[in-house]
C-alpha atoms as a PDB file:
ATOM      1  CA  UNK A   1      -1.291  -0.919   0.528  1.00  0.00           C
ATOM      2  CA  UNK A   2       0.663   1.930   2.125  1.00  0.00           C
ATOM      3  CA  UNK A   3       2.473   2.031   5.441  1.00  0.00           C
ATOM      4  CA  UNK A   4       4.753   4.171   7.570  1.00  0.00           C
ATOM      5  CA  UNK A   5       7.374   3.294  10.137  1.00  0.00           C
ATOM      6  CA  UNK A   6       9.782   5.293  12.258  1.00  0.00           C
ATOM      7  CA  UNK A   7      13.323   3.897  12.352  1.00  0.00           C
ATOM      8  CA  UNK A   8      15.437   3.886  15.526  1.00  0.00           C
ATOM      9  CA  UNK A   9      17.306   6.936  14.183  1.00  0.00           C
ATOM     10  CA  UNK A  10      13.985   8.849  14.158  1.00  0.00           C
ATOM     11  CA  UNK A  11      13.548   9.002  10.378  1.00  0.00           C
ATOM     12  CA  UNK A  12      10.042   8.346   9.055  1.00  0.00           C
ATOM     13  CA  UNK A  13       9.941   5.784   6.225  1.00  0.00           C
ATOM     14  CA  UNK A  14       6.977   5.186   3.956  1.00  0.00           C
ATOM     15  CA  UNK A  15       6.239   2.245   1.698  1.00  0.00           C
ATOM     16  CA  UNK A  16       3.639   1.683  -0.981  1.00  0.00           C
ATOM     17  CA  UNK A  17       2.783  -1.667  -2.553  1.00  0.00           C
ATOM     18  CA  UNK A  18       0.585  -1.100  -5.603  1.00  0.00           C
ATOM     19  CA  UNK A  19       0.318  -2.978  -8.881  1.00  0.00           C
ATOM     20  CA  UNK A  20      -0.741   0.047 -10.939  1.00  0.00           C
ATOM     21  CA  UNK A  21       0.994   3.402 -11.282  1.00  0.00           C
ATOM     22  CA  UNK A  22      -2.267   5.319 -10.809  1.00  0.00           C
ATOM     23  CA  UNK A  23      -2.898   3.581  -7.466  1.00  0.00           C
ATOM     24  CA  UNK A  24       0.699   4.277  -6.407  1.00  0.00           C
ATOM     25  CA  UNK A  25       0.350   7.946  -7.366  1.00  0.00           C
ATOM     26  CA  UNK A  26      -2.888   8.383  -5.385  1.00  0.00           C
ATOM     27  CA  UNK A  27      -1.454   6.692  -2.283  1.00  0.00           C
ATOM     28  CA  UNK A  28       1.777   8.704  -2.521  1.00  0.00           C
ATOM     29  CA  UNK A  29      -0.114  11.999  -2.906  1.00  0.00           C
ATOM     30  CA  UNK A  30      -2.320  11.236   0.103  1.00  0.00           C
ATOM     31  CA  UNK A  31       0.638  10.233   2.287  1.00  0.00           C
ATOM     32  CA  UNK A  32       2.788  13.203   1.273  1.00  0.00           C
ATOM     33  CA  UNK A  33      -0.099  15.580   2.024  1.00  0.00           C
ATOM     34  CA  UNK A  34      -0.602  14.170   5.534  1.00  0.00           C
ATOM     35  CA  UNK A  35       2.891  13.300   6.776  1.00  0.00           C
ATOM     36  CA  UNK A  36       5.604  15.663   7.983  1.00  0.00           C
ATOM     37  CA  UNK A  37       8.757  16.068   5.911  1.00  0.00           C
ATOM     38  CA  UNK A  38      11.343  14.733   5.534  1.00  0.00           C
ATOM     39  CA  UNK A  39      10.185  11.280   4.454  1.00  0.00           C
ATOM     40  CA  UNK A  40      12.289   8.318   3.339  1.00  0.00           C
ATOM     41  CA  UNK A  41      11.749   5.054   1.503  1.00  0.00           C
ATOM     42  CA  UNK A  42      13.836   2.048   0.460  1.00  0.00           C
ATOM     43  CA  UNK A  43      13.876   0.733  -3.088  1.00  0.00           C
ATOM     44  CA  UNK A  44      15.884  -2.077  -4.661  1.00  0.00           C
ATOM     45  CA  UNK A  45      18.401  -0.485  -7.039  1.00  0.00           C
ATOM     46  CA  UNK A  46      17.282  -2.891  -9.804  1.00  0.00           C
ATOM     47  CA  UNK A  47      13.571  -1.966  -9.502  1.00  0.00           C
ATOM     48  CA  UNK A  48      13.307   0.676 -12.243  1.00  0.00           C
ATOM     49  CA  UNK A  49       9.485   0.854 -12.131  1.00  0.00           C
ATOM     50  CA  UNK A  50       9.357   1.596  -8.400  1.00  0.00           C
ATOM     51  CA  UNK A  51      12.216   4.101  -8.682  1.00  0.00           C
ATOM     52  CA  UNK A  52      10.251   5.848 -11.428  1.00  0.00           C
ATOM     53  CA  UNK A  53       7.146   5.942  -9.196  1.00  0.00           C
ATOM     54  CA  UNK A  54       9.031   7.534  -6.294  1.00  0.00           C
ATOM     55  CA  UNK A  55      10.702  10.087  -8.601  1.00  0.00           C
ATOM     56  CA  UNK A  56       7.251  11.034  -9.936  1.00  0.00           C
ATOM     57  CA  UNK A  57       6.174  11.549  -6.309  1.00  0.00           C
ATOM     58  CA  UNK A  58       9.032  14.033  -5.856  1.00  0.00           C
ATOM     59  CA  UNK A  59      11.603  11.874  -4.065  1.00  0.00           C
ATOM     60  CA  UNK A  60      15.300  12.384  -4.648  1.00  0.00           C
ATOM     61  CA  UNK A  61      17.086   9.061  -4.746  1.00  0.00           C
ATOM     62  CA  UNK A  62      20.418   8.391  -3.081  1.00  0.00           C
ATOM     63  CA  UNK A  63      22.289   5.130  -2.712  1.00  0.00           C
ATOM     64  CA  UNK A  64      22.720   3.389   0.636  1.00  0.00           C
ATOM     65  CA  UNK A  65      24.580   0.132   1.179  1.00  0.00           C
ATOM     66  CA  UNK A  66      22.660  -2.704   2.704  1.00  0.00           C
ATOM     67  CA  UNK A  67      21.706  -6.349   2.507  1.00  0.00           C
ATOM     68  CA  UNK A  68      18.588  -8.309   1.857  1.00  0.00           C
ATOM     69  CA  UNK A  69      18.081 -11.213   4.233  1.00  0.00           C
ATOM     70  CA  UNK A  70      16.064 -14.202   3.037  1.00  0.00           C
ATOM     71  CA  UNK A  71      14.323 -16.013   5.895  1.00  0.00           C
ATOM     72  CA  UNK A  72      12.756 -19.426   5.363  1.00  0.00           C
ATOM     73  CA  UNK A  73       9.094 -19.480   6.411  1.00  0.00           C
ATOM     74  CA  UNK A  74       9.045 -22.689   8.399  1.00  0.00           C
ATOM     75  CA  UNK A  75       7.791 -24.325  11.516  1.00  0.00           C
ATOM     76  CA  UNK A  76      10.348 -24.005  14.276  1.00  0.00           C
ATOM     77  CA  UNK A  77      10.345 -25.124  17.865  1.00  0.00           C
ATOM     78  CA  UNK A  78       8.421 -22.545  19.893  1.00  0.00           C
ATOM     79  CA  UNK A  79      10.602 -19.668  20.976  1.00  0.00           C
ATOM     80  CA  UNK A  80       9.346 -18.130  24.185  1.00  0.00           C
ATOM     81  CA  UNK A  81      10.398 -14.710  25.398  1.00  0.00           C
ATOM     82  CA  UNK A  82      10.815 -14.105  29.131  1.00  0.00           C
ATOM     83  CA  UNK A  83       7.958 -14.935  31.471  1.00  0.00           C
ATOM     84  CA  UNK A  84       5.035 -12.521  31.373  1.00  0.00           C
ATOM     85  CA  UNK A  85       5.386 -11.639  27.656  1.00  0.00           C
ATOM     86  CA  UNK A  86       2.399 -12.565  25.504  1.00  0.00           C
ATOM     87  CA  UNK A  87       2.562 -12.904  21.703  1.00  0.00           C
ATOM     88  CA  UNK A  88      -0.529 -12.072  19.644  1.00  0.00           C
ATOM     89  CA  UNK A  89      -1.293 -11.717  15.963  1.00  0.00           C
ATOM     90  CA  UNK A  90      -0.244 -13.630  12.909  1.00  0.00           C
ATOM     91  CA  UNK A  91       1.283 -13.278   9.474  1.00  0.00           C
ATOM     92  CA  UNK A  92       0.690  -9.563   8.876  1.00  0.00           C
ATOM     93  CA  UNK A  93       1.539  -8.269  12.334  1.00  0.00           C
ATOM     94  CA  UNK A  94       2.552  -9.912  15.574  1.00  0.00           C
ATOM     95  CA  UNK A  95       2.804  -8.063  18.865  1.00  0.00           C
ATOM     96  CA  UNK A  96       4.550  -8.754  22.143  1.00  0.00           C
ATOM     97  CA  UNK A  97       2.865  -7.378  25.233  1.00  0.00           C
ATOM     98  CA  UNK A  98       3.586  -7.245  28.946  1.00  0.00           C
ATOM     99  CA  UNK A  99       0.410  -6.729  30.983  1.00  0.00           C
ATOM    100  CA  UNK A 100      -1.360  -5.228  27.963  1.00  0.00           C
ATOM    101  CA  UNK A 101       1.474  -2.808  27.103  1.00  0.00           C
ATOM    102  CA  UNK A 102       3.119  -3.316  23.704  1.00  0.00           C
ATOM    103  CA  UNK A 103       6.863  -3.981  23.982  1.00  0.00           C
ATOM    104  CA  UNK A 104       7.511  -5.259  20.458  1.00  0.00           C
ATOM    105  CA  UNK A 105       5.991  -5.647  17.021  1.00  0.00           C
ATOM    106  CA  UNK A 106       6.862  -7.261  13.699  1.00  0.00           C
ATOM    107  CA  UNK A 107       5.105  -6.009  10.557  1.00  0.00           C
ATOM    108  CA  UNK A 108       4.920  -8.065   7.363  1.00  0.00           C
ATOM    109  CA  UNK A 109       3.458  -7.453   3.904  1.00  0.00           C
ATOM    110  CA  UNK A 110       2.397 -10.716   2.308  1.00  0.00           C
ATOM    111  CA  UNK A 111       3.151 -10.792  -1.427  1.00  0.00           C
ATOM    112  CA  UNK A 112       0.274 -10.831  -3.867  1.00  0.00           C
ATOM    113  CA  UNK A 113       2.421 -12.338  -6.629  1.00  0.00           C
ATOM    114  CA  UNK A 114       2.766 -16.083  -7.094  1.00  0.00           C
ATOM    115  CA  UNK A 115       3.731 -17.056 -10.689  1.00  0.00           C
ATOM    116  CA  UNK A 116       4.228 -20.689  -9.639  1.00  0.00           C
ATOM    117  CA  UNK A 117       7.199 -19.816  -7.394  1.00  0.00           C
ATOM    118  CA  UNK A 118       7.251 -19.971  -3.604  1.00  0.00           C
ATOM    119  CA  UNK A 119       5.247 -17.101  -2.155  1.00  0.00           C
ATOM    120  CA  UNK A 120       7.468 -14.455  -0.594  1.00  0.00           C
ATOM    121  CA  UNK A 121       6.489 -11.991   2.139  1.00  0.00           C
ATOM    122  CA  UNK A 122       8.306  -8.767   3.022  1.00  0.00           C
ATOM    123  CA  UNK A 123       9.197  -8.040   6.643  1.00  0.00           C
ATOM    124  CA  UNK A 124       8.728  -4.280   6.936  1.00  0.00           C
ATOM    125  CA  UNK A 125      10.034  -3.934  10.469  1.00  0.00           C
ATOM    126  CA  UNK A 126      10.968  -5.704  13.689  1.00  0.00           C
ATOM    127  CA  UNK A 127      10.774  -3.355  16.654  1.00  0.00           C
ATOM    128  CA  UNK A 128      11.368  -3.968  20.355  1.00  0.00           C
ATOM    129  CA  UNK A 129      11.210  -1.195  22.936  1.00  0.00           C
ATOM    130  CA  UNK A 130      14.726  -0.190  24.012  1.00  0.00           C
ATOM    131  CA  UNK A 131      14.147  -1.126  27.669  1.00  0.00           C
ATOM    132  CA  UNK A 132      12.938  -4.616  26.625  1.00  0.00           C
ATOM    133  CA  UNK A 133      15.763  -5.628  24.269  1.00  0.00           C
ATOM    134  CA  UNK A 134      18.091  -8.618  24.769  1.00  0.00           C
ATOM    135  CA  UNK A 135      15.268 -10.645  26.362  1.00  0.00           C
ATOM    136  CA  UNK A 136      14.308 -12.871  23.418  1.00  0.00           C
ATOM    137  CA  UNK A 137      11.300 -10.779  22.373  1.00  0.00           C
ATOM    138  CA  UNK A 138      12.525 -10.001  18.835  1.00  0.00           C
ATOM    139  CA  UNK A 139      13.458 -13.620  18.171  1.00  0.00           C
ATOM    140  CA  UNK A 140      10.130 -14.876  19.550  1.00  0.00           C
ATOM    141  CA  UNK A 141       8.229 -12.410  17.333  1.00  0.00           C
ATOM    142  CA  UNK A 142      10.247 -13.441  14.280  1.00  0.00           C
ATOM    143  CA  UNK A 143       9.778 -17.190  14.869  1.00  0.00           C
ATOM    144  CA  UNK A 144       6.052 -16.644  15.558  1.00  0.00           C
ATOM    145  CA  UNK A 145       5.589 -14.639  12.334  1.00  0.00           C
ATOM    146  CA  UNK A 146       7.615 -17.069  10.164  1.00  0.00           C
ATOM    147  CA  UNK A 147       5.519 -19.950  11.512  1.00  0.00           C
ATOM    148  CA  UNK A 148       2.311 -18.049  10.636  1.00  0.00           C
ATOM    149  CA  UNK A 149       3.660 -17.399   7.120  1.00  0.00           C
ATOM    150  CA  UNK A 150       4.507 -21.089   6.719  1.00  0.00           C
ATOM    151  CA  UNK A 151       0.939 -21.980   7.733  1.00  0.00           C
ATOM    152  CA  UNK A 152      -0.299 -19.642   4.973  1.00  0.00           C
ATOM    153  CA  UNK A 153       1.973 -21.445   2.476  1.00  0.00           C
ATOM    154  CA  UNK A 154       4.677 -18.793   2.114  1.00  0.00           C
ATOM    155  CA  UNK A 155       8.142 -20.129   1.356  1.00  0.00           C
ATOM    156  CA  UNK A 156      10.277 -17.113   2.268  1.00  0.00           C
ATOM    157  CA  UNK A 157      10.263 -13.706   3.887  1.00  0.00           C
ATOM    158  CA  UNK A 158      12.709 -10.936   3.019  1.00  0.00           C
ATOM    159  CA  UNK A 159      13.902  -7.968   5.029  1.00  0.00           C
ATOM    160  CA  UNK A 160      16.303  -5.192   4.069  1.00  0.00           C
ATOM    161  CA  UNK A 161      18.891  -4.357   6.715  1.00  0.00           C
ATOM    162  CA  UNK A 162      21.628  -1.797   7.077  1.00  0.00           C
ATOM    163  CA  UNK A 163      25.067  -3.439   7.017  1.00  0.00           C
ATOM    164  CA  UNK A 164      25.906  -1.741  10.337  1.00  0.00           C
ATOM    165  CA  UNK A 165      22.864  -3.186  12.153  1.00  0.00           C
ATOM    166  CA  UNK A 166      24.686  -6.205  13.552  1.00  0.00           C
ATOM    167  CA  UNK A 167      22.005  -6.979  16.149  1.00  0.00           C
ATOM    168  CA  UNK A 168      19.298  -7.411  13.500  1.00  0.00           C
ATOM    169  CA  UNK A 169      21.628  -9.368  11.222  1.00  0.00           C
ATOM    170  CA  UNK A 170      22.496 -11.744  14.097  1.00  0.00           C
ATOM    171  CA  UNK A 171      18.802 -12.164  14.934  1.00  0.00           C
ATOM    172  CA  UNK A 172      17.943 -13.024  11.333  1.00  0.00           C
ATOM    173  CA  UNK A 173      20.852 -15.421  10.946  1.00  0.00           C
ATOM    174  CA  UNK A 174      19.744 -17.197  14.152  1.00  0.00           C
ATOM    175  CA  UNK A 175      16.570 -18.342  12.346  1.00  0.00           C
ATOM    176  CA  UNK A 176      18.417 -19.500   9.226  1.00  0.00           C
ATOM    177  CA  UNK A 177      18.319 -16.327   7.132  1.00  0.00           C
ATOM    178  CA  UNK A 178      20.934 -15.828   4.471  1.00  0.00           C
ATOM    179  CA  UNK A 179      22.242 -12.433   3.398  1.00  0.00           C
ATOM    180  CA  UNK A 180      22.610 -11.042  -0.085  1.00  0.00           C
ATOM    181  CA  UNK A 181      24.312  -7.663  -0.567  1.00  0.00           C
ATOM    182  CA  UNK A 182      22.478  -5.036  -2.579  1.00  0.00           C
ATOM    183  CA  UNK A 183      22.192  -1.297  -2.967  1.00  0.00           C
ATOM    184  CA  UNK A 184      19.120   0.681  -2.086  1.00  0.00           C
ATOM    185  CA  UNK A 185      18.093   3.929  -3.672  1.00  0.00           C
END
């Protein structure tokens, strides 16, 4: 699976989740041929195989400080955003809409690996339109998605956050997430 996402700072990030190097290489080549430069990605500093894949694709790796937040996938009391906002979707993507216009989205990649441990999903992004922030939409999307993951028997969801993104860190901690410092390349 391959995906793109534009960060609030305007940078375009790409991600590829493939079990085999040949599949990764084909997806990377297709994305690099179609997308405008510059492109960015995030990789755990301890993930030598993925770092090798991105280097093969032509990426230059630099270190950025950040944290991984671990969110429990659990049933929580419903969290409703302001009146008139409708939540749709499930475990892979949930959207918030006002009169059919998207005002927020959360994107999640469910893990394919199990190995007898709790299944873990990766939250790729939580986005709320700037003019709709501070209205409970992000929290409602997060609670909705974590509930859907719990229903699908996931134990946790992770998300990488920049240490300076205090709003996202507060949002994640409000649903019981715990932070673990790491370094991205």
